[in-house]
PDB file of N, CA and C in Angstrom:
ATOM      1  N   MET A   1       3.539   0.406 -12.227  1.00  0.00           N
ATOM      2  CA  MET A   1       4.565  -0.742 -13.083  1.00  0.00           C
ATOM      3  C   MET A   1       5.469  -1.232 -11.788  1.00  0.00           C
ATOM      4  N   LEU A   2       6.550   0.480 -11.421  1.00  0.00           N
ATOM      5  CA  LEU A   2       7.669   0.322 -11.250  1.00  0.00           C
ATOM      6  C   LEU A   2       7.975   0.492  -9.554  1.00  0.00           C
ATOM      7  N   ALA A   3       7.136   0.462  -8.961  1.00  0.00           N
ATOM      8  CA  ALA A   3       6.936  -0.210  -7.146  1.00  0.00           C
ATOM      9  C   ALA A   3       6.933  -1.598  -7.878  1.00  0.00           C
ATOM     10  N   PHE A   4       6.447  -2.001  -8.307  1.00  0.00           N
ATOM     11  CA  PHE A   4       6.251  -3.549  -7.536  1.00  0.00           C
ATOM     12  C   PHE A   4       7.562  -3.989  -8.546  1.00  0.00           C
ATOM     13  N   ILE A   5       8.661  -3.409  -9.887  1.00  0.00           N
ATOM     14  CA  ILE A   5       9.383  -3.960 -10.012  1.00  0.00           C
ATOM     15  C   ILE A   5      10.366  -3.951  -8.647  1.00  0.00           C
ATOM     16  N   ARG A   6      10.066  -2.918  -8.335  1.00  0.00           N
ATOM     17  CA  ARG A   6      11.205  -2.295  -7.025  1.00  0.00           C
ATOM     18  C   ARG A   6      11.343  -3.385  -5.282  1.00  0.00           C
ATOM     19  N   LEU A   7       9.624  -4.015  -5.240  1.00  0.00           N
ATOM     20  CA  LEU A   7       9.492  -4.861  -4.345  1.00  0.00           C
ATOM     21  C   LEU A   7      10.468  -6.344  -4.635  1.00  0.00           C
ATOM     22  N   LEU A   8       9.708  -6.833  -5.708  1.00  0.00           N
ATOM     23  CA  LEU A   8      10.977  -7.932  -6.550  1.00  0.00           C
ATOM     24  C   LEU A   8      12.500  -7.671  -6.585  1.00  0.00           C
ATOM     25  N   ILE A   9      13.077  -6.490  -7.064  1.00  0.00           N
ATOM     26  CA  ILE A   9      14.662  -6.786  -6.795  1.00  0.00           C
ATOM     27  C   ILE A   9      15.674  -6.174  -5.523  1.00  0.00           C
ATOM     28  N   ALA A  10      13.906  -5.548  -4.743  1.00  0.00           N
ATOM     29  CA  ALA A  10      14.888  -4.696  -3.332  1.00  0.00           C
ATOM     30  C   ALA A  10      16.075  -5.898  -2.875  1.00  0.00           C
ATOM     31  N   ARG A  11      16.825  -5.103  -1.866  1.00  0.00           N
ATOM     32  CA  ARG A  11      17.741  -6.013  -1.810  1.00  0.00           C
ATOM     33  C   ARG A  11      16.884  -6.598   0.266  1.00  0.00           C
ATOM     34  N   THR A  12      16.854  -5.364   0.883  1.00  0.00           N
ATOM     35  CA  THR A  12      16.667  -5.567   2.374  1.00  0.00           C
ATOM     36  C   THR A  12      15.177  -5.234   2.860  1.00  0.00           C
ATOM     37  N   ALA A  13      15.121  -5.990   3.892  1.00  0.00           N
ATOM     38  CA  ALA A  13      13.774  -5.746   3.972  1.00  0.00           C
ATOM     39  C   ALA A  13      12.820  -4.318   3.843  1.00  0.00           C
ATOM     40  N   ALA A  14      13.668  -3.897   4.726  1.00  0.00           N
ATOM     41  CA  ALA A  14      13.030  -1.946   4.773  1.00  0.00           C
ATOM     42  C   ALA A  14      12.810  -1.226   3.412  1.00  0.00           C
ATOM     43  N   ASP A  15      13.726  -1.971   2.169  1.00  0.00           N
ATOM     44  CA  ASP A  15      13.684  -1.493   1.161  1.00  0.00           C
ATOM     45  C   ASP A  15      12.155  -2.525   0.688  1.00  0.00           C
ATOM     46  N   ARG A  16      11.611  -3.411   0.399  1.00  0.00           N
ATOM     47  CA  ARG A  16      10.798  -3.676   0.310  1.00  0.00           C
ATOM     48  C   ARG A  16       9.294  -3.572   1.180  1.00  0.00           C
ATOM     49  N   ALA A  17       9.709  -3.348   1.853  1.00  0.00           N
ATOM     50  CA  ALA A  17       8.612  -2.426   2.590  1.00  0.00           C
ATOM     51  C   ALA A  17       8.328  -1.084   2.780  1.00  0.00           C
ATOM     52  N   VAL A  18       8.982  -0.443   1.825  1.00  0.00           N
ATOM     53  CA  VAL A  18       8.173   1.172   1.470  1.00  0.00           C
ATOM     54  C   VAL A  18       7.736   0.877   0.385  1.00  0.00           C
ATOM     55  N   ALA A  19       8.918  -0.205  -0.599  1.00  0.00           N
ATOM     56  CA  ALA A  19       8.116  -0.784  -1.767  1.00  0.00           C
ATOM     57  C   ALA A  19       6.503  -0.817  -1.934  1.00  0.00           C
ATOM     58  N   LEU A  20       6.193  -1.860  -1.114  1.00  0.00           N
ATOM     59  CA  LEU A  20       5.230  -2.455  -0.359  1.00  0.00           C
ATOM     60  C   LEU A  20       4.469  -1.002  -0.788  1.00  0.00           C
ATOM     61  N   ASP A  21       4.301  -0.385   0.072  1.00  0.00           N
ATOM     62  CA  ASP A  21       3.857   1.004   0.767  1.00  0.00           C
ATOM     63  C   ASP A  21       3.720   1.820  -0.329  1.00  0.00           C
ATOM     64  N   GLY A  22       4.256   1.796  -1.125  1.00  0.00           N
ATOM     65  CA  GLY A  22       4.007   2.693  -2.770  1.00  0.00           C
ATOM     66  C   GLY A  22       3.389   1.757  -3.434  1.00  0.00           C
ATOM     67  N   ALA A  23       3.385   0.409  -4.161  1.00  0.00           N
ATOM     68  CA  ALA A  23       2.336  -0.105  -4.067  1.00  0.00           C
ATOM     69  C   ALA A  23       0.992   0.061  -3.849  1.00  0.00           C
ATOM     70  N   THR A  24       0.811  -0.574  -2.381  1.00  0.00           N
ATOM     71  CA  THR A  24      -0.855  -0.116  -2.177  1.00  0.00           C
ATOM     72  C   THR A  24      -0.698   1.622  -2.294  1.00  0.00           C
ATOM     73  N   LEU A  25      -0.715   2.046  -1.958  1.00  0.00           N
ATOM     74  CA  LEU A  25      -0.748   3.042  -1.770  1.00  0.00           C
ATOM     75  C   LEU A  25      -1.133   3.642  -3.697  1.00  0.00           C
ATOM     76  N   ILE A  26      -0.642   3.537  -5.117  1.00  0.00           N
ATOM     77  CA  ILE A  26      -1.271   3.050  -6.284  1.00  0.00           C
ATOM     78  C   ILE A  26      -2.195   2.191  -6.770  1.00  0.00           C
ATOM     79  N   SER A  27      -2.282   1.396  -5.735  1.00  0.00           N
ATOM     80  CA  SER A  27      -3.623   0.090  -5.536  1.00  0.00           C
ATOM     81  C   SER A  27      -4.986   1.005  -5.029  1.00  0.00           C
ATOM     82  N   ALA A  28      -3.933   1.726  -4.320  1.00  0.00           N
ATOM     83  CA  ALA A  28      -6.085   2.318  -4.030  1.00  0.00           C
ATOM     84  C   ALA A  28      -6.631   3.775  -5.167  1.00  0.00           C
ATOM     85  N   ASP A  29      -5.046   4.437  -4.848  1.00  0.00           N
ATOM     86  CA  ASP A  29      -5.832   5.397  -5.819  1.00  0.00           C
ATOM     87  C   ASP A  29      -6.085   5.140  -7.408  1.00  0.00           C
ATOM     88  N   ILE A  30      -5.544   3.476  -8.208  1.00  0.00           N
ATOM     89  CA  ILE A  30      -6.532   3.290  -8.998  1.00  0.00           C
ATOM     90  C   ILE A  30      -7.684   2.384  -8.255  1.00  0.00           C
ATOM     91  N   MET A  31      -7.833   3.295  -7.244  1.00  0.00           N
ATOM     92  CA  MET A  31      -9.727   2.388  -6.797  1.00  0.00           C
ATOM     93  C   MET A  31     -10.497   3.398  -6.910  1.00  0.00           C
ATOM     94  N   ILE A  32      -9.599   4.685  -6.294  1.00  0.00           N
ATOM     95  CA  ILE A  32     -10.399   5.794  -6.147  1.00  0.00           C
ATOM     96  C   ILE A  32     -11.194   7.338  -7.836  1.00  0.00           C
ATOM     97  N   LEU A  33     -10.166   5.868  -8.821  1.00  0.00           N
ATOM     98  CA  LEU A  33     -10.545   7.098  -9.743  1.00  0.00           C
ATOM     99  C   LEU A  33     -11.262   6.477 -10.372  1.00  0.00           C
ATOM    100  N   MET A  34     -11.135   4.760 -10.124  1.00  0.00           N
ATOM    101  CA  MET A  34     -12.715   3.880 -10.456  1.00  0.00           C
ATOM    102  C   MET A  34     -13.389   4.309 -10.076  1.00  0.00           C
ATOM    103  N   ALA A  35     -13.850   4.984  -8.790  1.00  0.00           N
ATOM    104  CA  ALA A  35     -14.743   4.996  -7.871  1.00  0.00           C
ATOM    105  C   ALA A  35     -15.533   6.491  -8.799  1.00  0.00           C
ATOM    106  N   PHE A  36     -14.950   7.018  -9.386  1.00  0.00           N
ATOM    107  CA  PHE A  36     -15.199   8.808  -9.874  1.00  0.00           C
ATOM    108  C   PHE A  36     -15.848   8.041 -10.876  1.00  0.00           C
ATOM    109  N   LEU A  37     -14.966   7.703 -11.660  1.00  0.00           N
ATOM    110  CA  LEU A  37     -14.924   7.172 -12.879  1.00  0.00           C
ATOM    111  C   LEU A  37     -16.834   6.085 -13.421  1.00  0.00           C
ATOM    112  N   MET A  38     -16.473   5.119 -12.788  1.00  0.00           N
ATOM    113  CA  MET A  38     -17.765   4.616 -12.775  1.00  0.00           C
ATOM    114  C   MET A  38     -19.405   4.886 -12.072  1.00  0.00           C
ATOM    115  N   GLY A  39     -18.587   5.701 -11.152  1.00  0.00           N
ATOM    116  CA  GLY A  39     -19.929   6.546 -10.299  1.00  0.00           C
ATOM    117  C   GLY A  39     -20.422   5.356  -8.860  1.00  0.00           C
ATOM    118  N   ARG A  40     -19.718   4.850  -8.360  1.00  0.00           N
ATOM    119  CA  ARG A  40     -19.458   4.183  -7.258  1.00  0.00           C
ATOM    120  C   ARG A  40     -19.129   4.426  -5.975  1.00  0.00           C
ATOM    121  N   SER A  41     -20.103   4.640  -5.455  1.00  0.00           N
ATOM    122  CA  SER A  41     -19.413   5.039  -4.251  1.00  0.00           C
ATOM    123  C   SER A  41     -18.866   3.894  -3.018  1.00  0.00           C
ATOM    124  N   MET A  42     -19.269   3.029  -3.337  1.00  0.00           N
ATOM    125  CA  MET A  42     -18.452   1.728  -2.526  1.00  0.00           C
ATOM    126  C   MET A  42     -17.305   1.766  -2.731  1.00  0.00           C
ATOM    127  N   LEU A  43     -16.968   2.071  -4.060  1.00  0.00           N
ATOM    128  CA  LEU A  43     -15.214   2.075  -4.278  1.00  0.00           C
ATOM    129  C   LEU A  43     -14.128   3.034  -3.867  1.00  0.00           C
ATOM    130  N   LEU A  44     -15.433   4.119  -2.972  1.00  0.00           N
ATOM    131  CA  LEU A  44     -13.582   4.404  -2.209  1.00  0.00           C
ATOM    132  C   LEU A  44     -14.152   4.490  -0.687  1.00  0.00           C
ATOM    133  N   ASP A  45     -15.261   3.647  -0.120  1.00  0.00           N
ATOM    134  CA  ASP A  45     -15.058   2.838   1.165  1.00  0.00           C
ATOM    135  C   ASP A  45     -14.189   1.484   0.737  1.00  0.00           C
ATOM    136  N   VAL A  46     -13.709   1.495   0.119  1.00  0.00           N
ATOM    137  CA  VAL A  46     -13.108  -0.404   0.068  1.00  0.00           C
ATOM    138  C   VAL A  46     -11.343   0.672   0.333  1.00  0.00           C
ATOM    139  N   ALA A  47     -11.586   0.904  -1.136  1.00  0.00           N
ATOM    140  CA  ALA A  47      -9.924   1.944  -1.019  1.00  0.00           C
ATOM    141  C   ALA A  47      -9.817   2.841   0.128  1.00  0.00           C
ATOM    142  N   LEU A  48     -10.339   3.243   0.984  1.00  0.00           N
ATOM    143  CA  LEU A  48     -10.382   3.783   2.411  1.00  0.00           C
ATOM    144  C   LEU A  48      -9.938   2.853   3.232  1.00  0.00           C
ATOM    145  N   VAL A  49     -10.580   1.692   3.281  1.00  0.00           N
ATOM    146  CA  VAL A  49      -9.762   0.458   4.191  1.00  0.00           C
ATOM    147  C   VAL A  49      -8.554   0.102   3.845  1.00  0.00           C
ATOM    148  N   TYR A  50      -9.220   0.552   1.803  1.00  0.00           N
ATOM    149  CA  TYR A  50      -7.323  -0.423   2.078  1.00  0.00           C
ATOM    150  C   TYR A  50      -6.691   0.247   2.105  1.00  0.00           C
ATOM    151  N   ALA A  51      -6.607   1.133   1.884  1.00  0.00           N
ATOM    152  CA  ALA A  51      -4.977   2.169   2.142  1.00  0.00           C
ATOM    153  C   ALA A  51      -4.819   2.607   4.278  1.00  0.00           C
ATOM    154  N   LEU A  52      -6.078   2.476   4.809  1.00  0.00           N
ATOM    155  CA  LEU A  52      -6.034   1.971   6.234  1.00  0.00           C
ATOM    156  C   LEU A  52      -5.176   1.128   6.613  1.00  0.00           C
ATOM    157  N   LEU A  53      -5.125  -0.318   6.520  1.00  0.00           N
ATOM    158  CA  LEU A  53      -5.113  -1.528   6.574  1.00  0.00           C
ATOM    159  C   LEU A  53      -3.315  -0.935   6.167  1.00  0.00           C
ATOM    160  N   SER A  54      -3.753  -0.845   4.836  1.00  0.00           N
ATOM    161  CA  SER A  54      -2.095  -0.885   4.368  1.00  0.00           C
ATOM    162  C   SER A  54      -1.354   0.090   4.932  1.00  0.00           C
ATOM    163  N   PHE A  55      -1.340   0.857   5.928  1.00  0.00           N
ATOM    164  CA  PHE A  55      -1.563   2.040   6.733  1.00  0.00           C
ATOM    165  C   PHE A  55      -0.869   0.998   8.297  1.00  0.00           C
ATOM    166  N   LEU A  56      -1.363  -0.171   8.779  1.00  0.00           N
ATOM    167  CA  LEU A  56      -1.166  -0.108  10.136  1.00  0.00           C
ATOM    168  C   LEU A  56      -0.216  -1.241   9.692  1.00  0.00           C
ATOM    169  N   GLY A  57      -0.125  -1.899   8.320  1.00  0.00           N
ATOM    170  CA  GLY A  57       0.546  -2.941   8.372  1.00  0.00           C
ATOM    171  C   GLY A  57       2.087  -2.585   7.939  1.00  0.00           C
ATOM    172  N   VAL A  58       2.708  -1.378   7.312  1.00  0.00           N
ATOM    173  CA  VAL A  58       3.199  -0.134   7.370  1.00  0.00           C
ATOM    174  C   VAL A  58       3.336  -0.350   8.738  1.00  0.00           C
ATOM    175  N   LEU A  59       3.400   0.272   8.885  1.00  0.00           N
ATOM    176  CA  LEU A  59       3.275   0.711  10.651  1.00  0.00           C
ATOM    177  C   LEU A  59       4.333  -0.428  11.592  1.00  0.00           C
ATOM    178  N   ALA A  60       3.044  -2.093  10.894  1.00  0.00           N
ATOM    179  CA  ALA A  60       3.971  -2.904  12.531  1.00  0.00           C
ATOM    180  C   ALA A  60       5.665  -3.578  11.467  1.00  0.00           C
ATOM    181  N   ILE A  61       5.321  -3.742  10.191  1.00  0.00           N
ATOM    182  CA  ILE A  61       6.522  -4.426   9.179  1.00  0.00           C
ATOM    183  C   ILE A  61       7.736  -3.057   9.873  1.00  0.00           C
ATOM    184  N   ALA A  62       6.999  -2.261  10.054  1.00  0.00           N
ATOM    185  CA  ALA A  62       8.614  -1.040  10.539  1.00  0.00           C
ATOM    186  C   ALA A  62       8.842  -1.476  12.227  1.00  0.00           C
ATOM    187  N   ARG A  63       7.683  -1.379  13.190  1.00  0.00           N
ATOM    188  CA  ARG A  63       8.127  -1.830  14.353  1.00  0.00           C
ATOM    189  C   ARG A  63       9.066  -3.291  14.412  1.00  0.00           C
ATOM    190  N   TYR A  64       8.313  -4.303  12.645  1.00  0.00           N
ATOM    191  CA  TYR A  64       9.618  -5.084  12.955  1.00  0.00           C
ATOM    192  C   TYR A  64      10.183  -5.180  12.947  1.00  0.00           C
ATOM    193  N   LEU A  65      10.843  -4.143  12.062  1.00  0.00           N
ATOM    194  CA  LEU A  65      12.162  -4.343  11.303  1.00  0.00           C
ATOM    195  C   LEU A  65      13.839  -2.740  12.870  1.00  0.00           C
ATOM    196  N   GLU A  66      13.086  -2.567  13.092  1.00  0.00           N
ATOM    197  CA  GLU A  66      12.958  -0.803  14.324  1.00  0.00           C
ATOM    198  C   GLU A  66      14.005  -2.460  15.587  1.00  0.00           C
ATOM    199  N   GLY A  67      13.384  -3.727  15.954  1.00  0.00           N
ATOM    200  CA  GLY A  67      13.496  -4.572  16.850  1.00  0.00           C
ATOM    201  C   GLY A  67      12.363  -4.983  17.594  1.00  0.00           C
ATOM    202  N   GLY A  68      11.654  -3.776  17.862  1.00  0.00           N
ATOM    203  CA  GLY A  68      11.121  -4.162  19.503  1.00  0.00           C
ATOM    204  C   GLY A  68       9.032  -4.392  19.045  1.00  0.00           C
ATOM    205  N   LEU A  69       9.039  -5.512  19.191  1.00  0.00           N
ATOM    206  CA  LEU A  69       7.852  -6.071  19.396  1.00  0.00           C
ATOM    207  C   LEU A  69       6.677  -6.776  20.692  1.00  0.00           C
TER     208      LEU A  69
END
């Protein structure tokens, strides 16, 4: 919840990017926990793809903020 609040009140784009990365990692962790509790391995695949796309998105945002596109 704190990552989502930080996402809303952040002043710079870099702070928002870090908060978004933290929020997506927390939600991927929740998906993994749900997969183990419910016994569904498909959620592990979804969490893995979600985390990978989140990582690539943060890399794209960092490159954009750096000024090199």
